[in-house]
């Protein structure tokens, strides 16, 4: 499984505008801030998945790692939501 496959899947799931995929340079295999997108969460997803990808890992290990980093990010965002809700 290629990194491009994982990025495409994440992009398709994120929205129909393919924001994540538009923040990923397929040639350099790196996420980047794309001023045409203007969505920093899409940039974050592309960079985070790209930085943790291991081309020597099995398909299952690659997917597991992408899931792990996205779940960790989701947990951290939920912690922020919870803290902000406590301000009410």
Protein backbone atom coordinates (compact mmCIF):
# COMPACT_ATOMS: atom_id res chain seq x y z
CA UNK A 1 0.00 0.00 0.00
CA UNK A 2 1.37 3.37 -0.94
CA UNK A 3 1.31 6.54 1.08
CA UNK A 4 -0.72 8.08 -1.73
CA UNK A 5 -3.39 5.39 -1.20
CA UNK A 6 -3.63 6.23 2.50
CA UNK A 7 -3.73 9.99 1.84
CA UNK A 8 -6.42 9.52 -0.81
CA UNK A 9 -8.53 7.48 1.61
CA UNK A 10 -8.14 10.10 4.35
CA UNK A 11 -8.97 12.87 1.90
CA UNK A 12 -12.08 11.11 0.63
CA UNK A 13 -13.27 10.60 4.19
CA UNK A 14 -12.51 14.16 5.25
CA UNK A 15 -14.69 15.89 2.65
CA UNK A 16 -15.69 15.82 -0.99
CA UNK A 17 -13.29 18.68 -1.80
CA UNK A 18 -10.22 16.44 -1.40
CA UNK A 19 -8.60 19.03 0.89
CA UNK A 20 -6.22 16.55 2.48
CA UNK A 21 -5.02 15.26 -0.87
CA UNK A 22 -4.48 18.84 -2.05
CA UNK A 23 -2.13 19.38 0.94
CA UNK A 24 0.08 16.47 -0.01
CA UNK A 25 2.87 16.51 -2.58
CA UNK A 26 2.78 13.08 -4.23
CA UNK A 27 6.24 13.47 -5.74
CA UNK A 28 7.98 14.49 -2.51
CA UNK A 29 5.70 12.29 -0.38
CA UNK A 30 5.22 15.15 2.09
CA UNK A 31 2.36 17.16 3.43
CA UNK A 32 2.55 20.92 3.03
CA UNK A 33 0.54 24.04 3.70
CA UNK A 34 -1.43 24.74 0.53
CA UNK A 35 -2.73 28.33 0.46
CA UNK A 36 -5.42 27.27 -2.02
CA UNK A 37 -6.96 24.98 0.61
CA UNK A 38 -6.99 27.25 3.66
CA UNK A 39 -7.87 24.33 5.92
CA UNK A 40 -5.20 23.80 8.56
CA UNK A 41 -6.80 20.57 9.76
CA UNK A 42 -6.42 19.10 6.26
CA UNK A 43 -2.78 20.23 6.28
CA UNK A 44 -2.28 18.62 9.69
CA UNK A 45 -3.76 15.31 8.54
CA UNK A 46 -1.58 15.19 5.42
CA UNK A 47 1.58 16.05 7.36
CA UNK A 48 0.89 13.71 10.28
CA UNK A 49 0.12 10.69 8.10
CA UNK A 50 3.05 11.47 5.80
CA UNK A 51 5.55 11.82 8.65
CA UNK A 52 4.61 8.50 10.24
CA UNK A 53 4.46 6.41 7.06
CA UNK A 54 7.04 3.62 6.82
CA UNK A 55 7.42 2.26 3.30
CA UNK A 56 9.08 -0.87 4.66
CA UNK A 57 6.09 -1.75 6.85
CA UNK A 58 3.36 -4.15 5.80
CA UNK A 59 0.05 -2.76 4.57
CA UNK A 60 -1.55 -3.65 7.89
CA UNK A 61 1.22 -1.92 9.87
CA UNK A 62 0.93 1.18 7.69
CA UNK A 63 -2.82 1.41 8.21
CA UNK A 64 -2.47 0.68 11.94
CA UNK A 65 0.03 3.53 12.30
CA UNK A 66 -2.17 5.97 10.37
CA UNK A 67 -5.12 4.98 12.56
CA UNK A 68 -3.00 5.35 15.70
CA UNK A 69 -1.84 8.89 14.92
CA UNK A 70 -5.30 10.02 13.84
CA UNK A 71 -6.86 8.49 16.98
CA UNK A 72 -4.25 10.17 19.16
CA UNK A 73 -5.02 13.48 17.47
CA UNK A 74 -8.74 12.93 17.90
CA UNK A 75 -8.22 12.22 21.61
CA UNK A 76 -6.20 15.41 22.01
CA UNK A 77 -8.87 17.46 20.24
CA UNK A 78 -11.52 15.91 22.46
CA UNK A 79 -9.49 16.94 25.51
CA UNK A 80 -9.50 20.53 24.20
CA UNK A 81 -13.26 20.38 23.62
CA UNK A 82 -13.80 19.09 27.14
CA UNK A 83 -11.63 21.81 28.67
CA UNK A 84 -13.42 24.52 26.70
CA UNK A 85 -16.80 23.16 27.74
CA UNK A 86 -15.73 23.44 31.37
CA UNK A 87 -15.44 27.20 30.84
CA UNK A 88 -19.24 27.42 30.54
